[in-house]
């Protein structure tokens, strides 16, 4: 989970310079077509959606590994418990 959060922060930070550049260009009167700004917004949105999908996949995979390891551990503990003298 920590790795996923770190990646999310790094990915979000990739778009900060782009937004800053657009704001600077606008400040100095450099007009950008609406299509350009719309395309940049779509790229940002798509990147975030892709990141969320990757995060969900990673969490699912790690949860499955944890579940499998837990089952093995429970089996081992159960075997030890049954082997104890009564």
PDB file of N, CA and C in Angstrom:
ATOM      1  N   UNK A   1       0.824  -1.192   0.000  1.00  0.00           N
ATOM      2  CA  UNK A   1       0.000   0.000   0.000  1.00  0.00           C
ATOM      3  C   UNK A   1       0.874   1.263   0.000  1.00  0.00           C
ATOM      4  N   UNK A   2       1.949   1.207   0.772  1.00  0.00           N
ATOM      5  CA  UNK A   2       2.835   2.365   0.856  1.00  0.00           C
ATOM      6  C   UNK A   2       3.408   2.685  -0.518  1.00  0.00           C
ATOM      7  N   UNK A   3       3.816   1.645  -1.254  1.00  0.00           N
ATOM      8  CA  UNK A   3       4.384   1.852  -2.586  1.00  0.00           C
ATOM      9  C   UNK A   3       3.356   2.470  -3.528  1.00  0.00           C
ATOM     10  N   UNK A   4       2.121   2.027  -3.403  1.00  0.00           N
ATOM     11  CA  UNK A   4       1.064   2.564  -4.254  1.00  0.00           C
ATOM     12  C   UNK A   4       0.858   4.047  -3.964  1.00  0.00           C
ATOM     13  N   UNK A   5       0.829   4.409  -2.674  1.00  0.00           N
ATOM     14  CA  UNK A   5       0.665   5.829  -2.322  1.00  0.00           C
ATOM     15  C   UNK A   5       1.827   6.670  -2.835  1.00  0.00           C
ATOM     16  N   UNK A   6       3.040   6.135  -2.710  1.00  0.00           N
ATOM     17  CA  UNK A   6       4.208   6.873  -3.191  1.00  0.00           C
ATOM     18  C   UNK A   6       4.144   7.086  -4.697  1.00  0.00           C
ATOM     19  N   UNK A   7       3.715   6.068  -5.420  1.00  0.00           N
ATOM     20  CA  UNK A   7       3.575   6.209  -6.871  1.00  0.00           C
ATOM     21  C   UNK A   7       2.518   7.229  -7.227  1.00  0.00           C
ATOM     22  N   UNK A   8       1.435   7.220  -6.475  1.00  0.00           N
ATOM     23  CA  UNK A   8       0.351   8.169  -6.736  1.00  0.00           C
ATOM     24  C   UNK A   8       0.863   9.602  -6.559  1.00  0.00           C
ATOM     25  N   UNK A   9       1.620   9.837  -5.502  1.00  0.00           N
ATOM     26  CA  UNK A   9       2.179  11.168  -5.264  1.00  0.00           C
ATOM     27  C   UNK A   9       3.123  11.568  -6.389  1.00  0.00           C
ATOM     28  N   UNK A  10       3.983  10.648  -6.799  1.00  0.00           N
ATOM     29  CA  UNK A  10       4.933  10.955  -7.878  1.00  0.00           C
ATOM     30  C   UNK A  10       4.202  11.242  -9.183  1.00  0.00           C
ATOM     31  N   UNK A  11       3.166  10.461  -9.485  1.00  0.00           N
ATOM     32  CA  UNK A  11       2.416  10.666 -10.721  1.00  0.00           C
ATOM     33  C   UNK A  11       1.686  11.996 -10.688  1.00  0.00           C
ATOM     34  N   UNK A  12       1.069  12.321  -9.573  1.00  0.00           N
ATOM     35  CA  UNK A  12       0.374  13.603  -9.454  1.00  0.00           C
ATOM     36  C   UNK A  12       1.348  14.760  -9.620  1.00  0.00           C
ATOM     37  N   UNK A  13       2.538  14.598  -9.070  1.00  0.00           N
ATOM     38  CA  UNK A  13       3.545  15.656  -9.166  1.00  0.00           C
ATOM     39  C   UNK A  13       4.062  15.845 -10.583  1.00  0.00           C
ATOM     40  N   UNK A  14       3.921  14.844 -11.444  1.00  0.00           N
ATOM     41  CA  UNK A  14       4.359  14.984 -12.826  1.00  0.00           C
ATOM     42  C   UNK A  14       3.571  16.060 -13.566  1.00  0.00           C
ATOM     43  N   UNK A  15       2.337  16.285 -13.145  1.00  0.00           N
ATOM     44  CA  UNK A  15       1.482  17.223 -13.853  1.00  0.00           C
ATOM     45  C   UNK A  15       1.587  18.649 -13.319  1.00  0.00           C
ATOM     46  N   UNK A  16       2.233  18.837 -12.202  1.00  0.00           N
ATOM     47  CA  UNK A  16       2.381  20.173 -11.629  1.00  0.00           C
ATOM     48  C   UNK A  16       3.149  21.097 -12.576  1.00  0.00           C
ATOM     49  N   UNK A  17       4.299  20.687 -13.126  1.00  0.00           N
ATOM     50  CA  UNK A  17       4.998  21.586 -14.050  1.00  0.00           C
ATOM     51  C   UNK A  17       4.164  21.939 -15.281  1.00  0.00           C
ATOM     52  N   UNK A  18       3.373  21.002 -15.749  1.00  0.00           N
ATOM     53  CA  UNK A  18       2.509  21.258 -16.903  1.00  0.00           C
ATOM     54  C   UNK A  18       1.478  22.331 -16.573  1.00  0.00           C
ATOM     55  N   UNK A  19       0.845  22.195 -15.429  1.00  0.00           N
ATOM     56  CA  UNK A  19      -0.148  23.195 -15.010  1.00  0.00           C
ATOM     57  C   UNK A  19       0.510  24.553 -14.795  1.00  0.00           C
ATOM     58  N   UNK A  20       1.691  24.554 -14.191  1.00  0.00           N
ATOM     59  CA  UNK A  20       2.410  25.810 -13.969  1.00  0.00           C
ATOM     60  C   UNK A  20       2.754  26.484 -15.291  1.00  0.00           C
ATOM     61  N   UNK A  21       3.164  25.697 -16.265  1.00  0.00           N
ATOM     62  CA  UNK A  21       3.508  26.244 -17.578  1.00  0.00           C
ATOM     63  C   UNK A  21       2.286  26.865 -18.251  1.00  0.00           C
ATOM     64  N   UNK A  22       1.172  26.188 -18.171  1.00  0.00           N
ATOM     65  CA  UNK A  22      -0.059  26.720 -18.762  1.00  0.00           C
ATOM     66  C   UNK A  22      -0.449  28.027 -18.088  1.00  0.00           C
ATOM     67  N   UNK A  23      -0.352  28.072 -16.771  1.00  0.00           N
ATOM     68  CA  UNK A  23      -0.686  29.303 -16.047  1.00  0.00           C
ATOM     69  C   UNK A  23       0.260  30.437 -16.418  1.00  0.00           C
ATOM     70  N   UNK A  24       1.537  30.131 -16.564  1.00  0.00           N
ATOM     71  CA  UNK A  24       2.519  31.147 -16.925  1.00  0.00           C
ATOM     72  C   UNK A  24       2.262  31.679 -18.340  1.00  0.00           C
ATOM     73  N   UNK A  25       1.978  30.787 -19.260  1.00  0.00           N
ATOM     74  CA  UNK A  25       1.667  31.211 -20.631  1.00  0.00           C
ATOM     75  C   UNK A  25       0.429  32.094 -20.658  1.00  0.00           C
ATOM     76  N   UNK A  26      -0.580  31.709 -19.912  1.00  0.00           N
ATOM     77  CA  UNK A  26      -1.812  32.499 -19.840  1.00  0.00           C
ATOM     78  C   UNK A  26      -1.526  33.870 -19.240  1.00  0.00           C
ATOM     79  N   UNK A  27      -0.700  33.905 -18.216  1.00  0.00           N
ATOM     80  CA  UNK A  27      -0.354  35.165 -17.555  1.00  0.00           C
ATOM     81  C   UNK A  27       0.300  36.143 -18.522  1.00  0.00           C
ATOM     82  N   UNK A  28       1.121  35.626 -19.429  1.00  0.00           N
ATOM     83  CA  UNK A  28       1.815  36.475 -20.379  1.00  0.00           C
ATOM     84  C   UNK A  28       1.066  36.626 -21.705  1.00  0.00           C
ATOM     85  N   UNK A  29      -0.186  36.226 -21.687  1.00  0.00           N
ATOM     86  CA  UNK A  29      -1.033  36.473 -22.847  1.00  0.00           C
ATOM     87  C   UNK A  29      -0.872  35.505 -23.995  1.00  0.00           C
ATOM     88  N   UNK A  30      -0.219  34.407 -23.763  1.00  0.00           N
ATOM     89  CA  UNK A  30      -0.083  33.397 -24.813  1.00  0.00           C
ATOM     90  C   UNK A  30      -1.343  32.540 -24.786  1.00  0.00           C
ATOM     91  N   UNK A  31      -2.098  32.683 -25.831  1.00  0.00           N
ATOM     92  CA  UNK A  31      -3.383  31.979 -25.881  1.00  0.00           C
ATOM     93  C   UNK A  31      -3.169  30.531 -26.328  1.00  0.00           C
ATOM     94  N   UNK A  32      -3.848  29.680 -25.637  1.00  0.00           N
ATOM     95  CA  UNK A  32      -3.838  28.269 -26.018  1.00  0.00           C
ATOM     96  C   UNK A  32      -5.256  27.931 -26.451  1.00  0.00           C
ATOM     97  N   UNK A  33      -5.338  27.153 -27.498  1.00  0.00           N
ATOM     98  CA  UNK A  33      -6.676  26.794 -27.967  1.00  0.00           C
ATOM     99  C   UNK A  33      -7.382  25.953 -26.906  1.00  0.00           C
ATOM    100  N   UNK A  34      -8.679  26.022 -26.937  1.00  0.00           N
ATOM    101  CA  UNK A  34      -9.459  25.248 -25.969  1.00  0.00           C
ATOM    102  C   UNK A  34      -9.220  23.756 -26.158  1.00  0.00           C
ATOM    103  N   UNK A  35      -9.001  23.365 -27.384  1.00  0.00           N
ATOM    104  CA  UNK A  35      -8.726  21.956 -27.679  1.00  0.00           C
ATOM    105  C   UNK A  35      -7.452  21.479 -27.006  1.00  0.00           C
ATOM    106  N   UNK A  36      -6.439  22.349 -26.954  1.00  0.00           N
ATOM    107  CA  UNK A  36      -5.176  21.992 -26.318  1.00  0.00           C
ATOM    108  C   UNK A  36      -5.367  21.801 -24.822  1.00  0.00           C
ATOM    109  N   UNK A  37      -6.036  22.760 -24.192  1.00  0.00           N
ATOM    110  CA  UNK A  37      -6.245  22.626 -22.747  1.00  0.00           C
ATOM    111  C   UNK A  37      -7.155  21.444 -22.431  1.00  0.00           C
ATOM    112  N   UNK A  38      -8.154  21.209 -23.275  1.00  0.00           N
ATOM    113  CA  UNK A  38      -9.027  20.050 -23.067  1.00  0.00           C
ATOM    114  C   UNK A  38      -8.238  18.746 -23.191  1.00  0.00           C
ATOM    115  N   UNK A  39      -7.342  18.699 -24.183  1.00  0.00           N
ATOM    116  CA  UNK A  39      -6.532  17.492 -24.379  1.00  0.00           C
ATOM    117  C   UNK A  39      -5.626  17.261 -23.178  1.00  0.00           C
ATOM    118  N   UNK A  40      -5.033  18.321 -22.659  1.00  0.00           N
ATOM    119  CA  UNK A  40      -4.167  18.189 -21.484  1.00  0.00           C
ATOM    120  C   UNK A  40      -4.953  17.717 -20.269  1.00  0.00           C
ATOM    121  N   UNK A  41      -6.155  18.220 -20.113  1.00  0.00           N
ATOM    122  CA  UNK A  41      -6.995  17.777 -18.994  1.00  0.00           C
ATOM    123  C   UNK A  41      -7.370  16.310 -19.149  1.00  0.00           C
ATOM    124  N   UNK A  42      -7.655  15.895 -20.380  1.00  0.00           N
ATOM    125  CA  UNK A  42      -8.006  14.487 -20.612  1.00  0.00           C
ATOM    126  C   UNK A  42      -6.810  13.575 -20.326  1.00  0.00           C
ATOM    127  N   UNK A  43      -5.619  14.018 -20.713  1.00  0.00           N
ATOM    128  CA  UNK A  43      -4.422  13.222 -20.435  1.00  0.00           C
ATOM    129  C   UNK A  43      -4.255  13.046 -18.931  1.00  0.00           C
ATOM    130  N   UNK A  44      -4.440  14.133 -18.201  1.00  0.00           N
ATOM    131  CA  UNK A  44      -4.318  14.074 -16.746  1.00  0.00           C
ATOM    132  C   UNK A  44      -5.360  13.130 -16.155  1.00  0.00           C
ATOM    133  N   UNK A  45      -6.590  13.258 -16.613  1.00  0.00           N
ATOM    134  CA  UNK A  45      -7.679  12.411 -16.118  1.00  0.00           C
ATOM    135  C   UNK A  45      -7.414  10.945 -16.437  1.00  0.00           C
ATOM    136  N   UNK A  46      -6.989  10.666 -17.664  1.00  0.00           N
ATOM    137  CA  UNK A  46      -6.702   9.281 -18.054  1.00  0.00           C
ATOM    138  C   UNK A  46      -5.567   8.690 -17.227  1.00  0.00           C
ATOM    139  N   UNK A  47      -4.547   9.498 -16.969  1.00  0.00           N
ATOM    140  CA  UNK A  47      -3.427   9.010 -16.168  1.00  0.00           C
ATOM    141  C   UNK A  47      -3.891   8.666 -14.760  1.00  0.00           C
ATOM    142  N   UNK A  48      -4.727   9.509 -14.194  1.00  0.00           N
ATOM    143  CA  UNK A  48      -5.233   9.231 -12.836  1.00  0.00           C
ATOM    144  C   UNK A  48      -6.103   7.979 -12.815  1.00  0.00           C
ATOM    145  N   UNK A  49      -6.947   7.826 -13.834  1.00  0.00           N
ATOM    146  CA  UNK A  49      -7.802   6.638 -13.893  1.00  0.00           C
ATOM    147  C   UNK A  49      -6.964   5.373 -14.043  1.00  0.00           C
ATOM    148  N   UNK A  50      -5.940   5.443 -14.888  1.00  0.00           N
ATOM    149  CA  UNK A  50      -5.060   4.286 -15.061  1.00  0.00           C
ATOM    150  C   UNK A  50      -4.329   3.962 -13.770  1.00  0.00           C
ATOM    151  N   UNK A  51      -3.901   4.981 -13.070  1.00  0.00           N
ATOM    152  CA  UNK A  51      -3.215   4.777 -11.800  1.00  0.00           C
ATOM    153  C   UNK A  51      -4.140   4.120 -10.782  1.00  0.00           C
ATOM    154  N   UNK A  52      -5.386   4.581 -10.734  1.00  0.00           N
ATOM    155  CA  UNK A  52      -6.343   3.981  -9.797  1.00  0.00           C
ATOM    156  C   UNK A  52      -6.571   2.513 -10.128  1.00  0.00           C
ATOM    157  N   UNK A  53      -6.682   2.196 -11.414  1.00  0.00           N
ATOM    158  CA  UNK A  53      -6.884   0.805 -11.811  1.00  0.00           C
ATOM    159  C   UNK A  53      -5.683  -0.049 -11.406  1.00  0.00           C
ATOM    160  N   UNK A  54      -4.484   0.487 -11.602  1.00  0.00           N
ATOM    161  CA  UNK A  54      -3.281  -0.243 -11.197  1.00  0.00           C
ATOM    162  C   UNK A  54      -3.232  -0.430  -9.688  1.00  0.00           C
ATOM    163  N   UNK A  55      -3.638   0.591  -8.952  1.00  0.00           N
ATOM    164  CA  UNK A  55      -3.651   0.486  -7.497  1.00  0.00           C
ATOM    165  C   UNK A  55      -4.625  -0.599  -7.051  1.00  0.00           C
ATOM    166  N   UNK A  56      -5.794  -0.629  -7.660  1.00  0.00           N
ATOM    167  CA  UNK A  56      -6.790  -1.636  -7.293  1.00  0.00           C
ATOM    168  C   UNK A  56      -6.282  -3.038  -7.596  1.00  0.00           C
ATOM    169  N   UNK A  57      -5.629  -3.204  -8.745  1.00  0.00           N
ATOM    170  CA  UNK A  57      -5.071  -4.504  -9.098  1.00  0.00           C
ATOM    171  C   UNK A  57      -4.005  -4.929  -8.093  1.00  0.00           C
ATOM    172  N   UNK A  58      -3.162  -3.989  -7.713  1.00  0.00           N
ATOM    173  CA  UNK A  58      -2.081  -4.285  -6.762  1.00  0.00           C
ATOM    174  C   UNK A  58      -2.649  -4.693  -5.405  1.00  0.00           C
ATOM    175  N   UNK A  59      -3.661  -3.973  -4.945  1.00  0.00           N
ATOM    176  CA  UNK A  59      -4.285  -4.299  -3.659  1.00  0.00           C
ATOM    177  C   UNK A  59      -4.932  -5.680  -3.725  1.00  0.00           C
ATOM    178  N   UNK A  60      -5.611  -5.974  -4.836  1.00  0.00           N
ATOM    179  CA  UNK A  60      -6.232  -7.292  -5.000  1.00  0.00           C
ATOM    180  C   UNK A  60      -5.183  -8.403  -4.962  1.00  0.00           C
ATOM    181  N   UNK A  61      -4.078  -8.200  -5.684  1.00  0.00           N
ATOM    182  CA  UNK A  61      -3.023  -9.208  -5.716  1.00  0.00           C
ATOM    183  C   UNK A  61      -2.426  -9.423  -4.327  1.00  0.00           C
ATOM    184  N   UNK A  62      -2.131  -8.326  -3.636  1.00  0.00           N
ATOM    185  CA  UNK A  62      -1.535  -8.447  -2.304  1.00  0.00           C
ATOM    186  C   UNK A  62      -2.519  -9.082  -1.320  1.00  0.00           C
ATOM    187  N   UNK A  63      -3.791  -8.783  -1.462  1.00  0.00           N
ATOM    188  CA  UNK A  63      -4.805  -9.387  -0.590  1.00  0.00           C
ATOM    189  C   UNK A  63      -4.895 -10.883  -0.829  1.00  0.00           C
ATOM    190  N   UNK A  64      -4.816 -11.289  -2.087  1.00  0.00           N
ATOM    191  CA  UNK A  64      -4.874 -12.711  -2.418  1.00  0.00           C
ATOM    192  C   UNK A  64      -3.660 -13.446  -1.854  1.00  0.00           C
ATOM    193  N   UNK A  65      -2.486 -12.861  -1.975  1.00  0.00           N
ATOM    194  CA  UNK A  65      -1.274 -13.475  -1.419  1.00  0.00           C
ATOM    195  C   UNK A  65      -1.408 -13.596   0.095  1.00  0.00           C
ATOM    196  N   UNK A  66      -1.899 -12.556   0.740  1.00  0.00           N
ATOM    197  CA  UNK A  66      -2.085 -12.585   2.193  1.00  0.00           C
ATOM    198  C   UNK A  66      -3.073 -13.686   2.589  1.00  0.00           C
ATOM    199  N   UNK A  67      -4.172 -13.790   1.849  1.00  0.00           N
ATOM    200  CA  UNK A  67      -5.179 -14.815   2.143  1.00  0.00           C
ATOM    201  C   UNK A  67      -4.569 -16.209   2.028  1.00  0.00           C
ATOM    202  N   UNK A  68      -3.800 -16.435   0.961  1.00  0.00           N
ATOM    203  CA  UNK A  68      -3.178 -17.741   0.763  1.00  0.00           C
ATOM    204  C   UNK A  68      -2.179 -18.052   1.871  1.00  0.00           C
ATOM    205  N   UNK A  69      -1.369 -17.063   2.232  1.00  0.00           N
ATOM    206  CA  UNK A  69      -0.397 -17.282   3.306  1.00  0.00           C
ATOM    207  C   UNK A  69      -1.094 -17.521   4.640  1.00  0.00           C
ATOM    208  N   UNK A  70      -2.210 -16.855   4.865  1.00  0.00           N
ATOM    209  CA  UNK A  70      -2.969 -17.045   6.100  1.00  0.00           C
ATOM    210  C   UNK A  70      -3.538 -18.453   6.176  1.00  0.00           C
ATOM    211  N   UNK A  71      -4.016 -18.963   5.048  1.00  0.00           N
ATOM    212  CA  UNK A  71      -4.555 -20.319   5.023  1.00  0.00           C
ATOM    213  C   UNK A  71      -3.470 -21.350   5.327  1.00  0.00           C
ATOM    214  N   UNK A  72      -2.295 -21.149   4.751  1.00  0.00           N
ATOM    215  CA  UNK A  72      -1.176 -22.060   5.020  1.00  0.00           C
ATOM    216  C   UNK A  72      -0.823 -22.004   6.505  1.00  0.00           C
ATOM    217  N   UNK A  73      -0.739 -20.822   7.048  1.00  0.00           N
ATOM    218  CA  UNK A  73      -0.402 -20.658   8.464  1.00  0.00           C
ATOM    219  C   UNK A  73      -1.449 -21.323   9.357  1.00  0.00           C
ATOM    220  N   UNK A  74      -2.730 -21.103   9.032  1.00  0.00           N
ATOM    221  CA  UNK A  74      -3.788 -21.742   9.830  1.00  0.00           C
ATOM    222  C   UNK A  74      -3.672 -23.255   9.778  1.00  0.00           C
ATOM    223  N   UNK A  75      -3.349 -23.785   8.600  1.00  0.00           N
ATOM    224  CA  UNK A  75      -3.179 -25.235   8.467  1.00  0.00           C
ATOM    225  C   UNK A  75      -2.035 -25.743   9.319  1.00  0.00           C
ATOM    226  N   UNK A  76      -0.932 -24.994   9.319  1.00  0.00           N
ATOM    227  CA  UNK A  76       0.226 -25.396  10.122  1.00  0.00           C
ATOM    228  C   UNK A  76      -0.094 -25.334  11.610  1.00  0.00           C
ATOM    229  N   UNK A  77      -0.778 -24.293  12.031  1.00  0.00           N
ATOM    230  CA  UNK A  77      -1.143 -24.164  13.447  1.00  0.00           C
ATOM    231  C   UNK A  77      -2.117 -25.272  13.836  1.00  0.00           C
ATOM    232  N   UNK A  78      -3.054 -25.555  12.948  1.00  0.00           N
ATOM    233  CA  UNK A  78      -4.007 -26.635  13.226  1.00  0.00           C
ATOM    234  C   UNK A  78      -3.313 -27.972  13.370  1.00  0.00           C
ATOM    235  N   UNK A  79      -2.331 -28.227  12.516  1.00  0.00           N
ATOM    236  CA  UNK A  79      -1.577 -29.486  12.602  1.00  0.00           C
ATOM    237  C   UNK A  79      -0.807 -29.572  13.909  1.00  0.00           C
ATOM    238  N   UNK A  80      -0.190 -28.469  14.305  1.00  0.00           N
ATOM    239  CA  UNK A  80       0.546 -28.452  15.569  1.00  0.00           C
ATOM    240  C   UNK A  80      -0.395 -28.669  16.750  1.00  0.00           C
ATOM    241  N   UNK A  81      -1.561 -28.039  16.666  1.00  0.00           N
ATOM    242  CA  UNK A  81      -2.532 -28.168  17.763  1.00  0.00           C
ATOM    243  C   UNK A  81      -2.989 -29.623  17.895  1.00  0.00           C
ATOM    244  N   UNK A  82      -3.227 -30.279  16.795  1.00  0.00           N
ATOM    245  CA  UNK A  82      -3.680 -31.668  16.827  1.00  0.00           C
ATOM    246  C   UNK A  82      -2.547 -32.598  17.316  1.00  0.00           C
ATOM    247  N   UNK A  83      -1.298 -32.220  17.085  1.00  0.00           N
ATOM    248  CA  UNK A  83      -0.176 -33.065  17.486  1.00  0.00           C
ATOM    249  C   UNK A  83       0.146 -32.945  18.972  1.00  0.00           C
ATOM    250  N   UNK A  84      -0.425 -31.954  19.639  1.00  0.00           N
ATOM    251  CA  UNK A  84      -0.154 -31.773  21.076  1.00  0.00           C
ATOM    252  C   UNK A  84      -0.785 -32.913  21.877  1.00  0.00           C
ATOM    253  N   UNK A  85      -0.082 -33.355  22.910  1.00  0.00           N
ATOM    254  CA  UNK A  85      -0.672 -34.414  23.751  1.00  0.00           C
ATOM    255  C   UNK A  85      -1.883 -33.857  24.502  1.00  0.00           C
ATOM    256  N   UNK A  86      -2.837 -34.709  24.718  1.00  0.00           N
ATOM    257  CA  UNK A  86      -4.058 -34.262  25.398  1.00  0.00           C
ATOM    258  C   UNK A  86      -4.202 -34.911  26.735  1.00  0.00           C
TER     259      UNK A  86
END
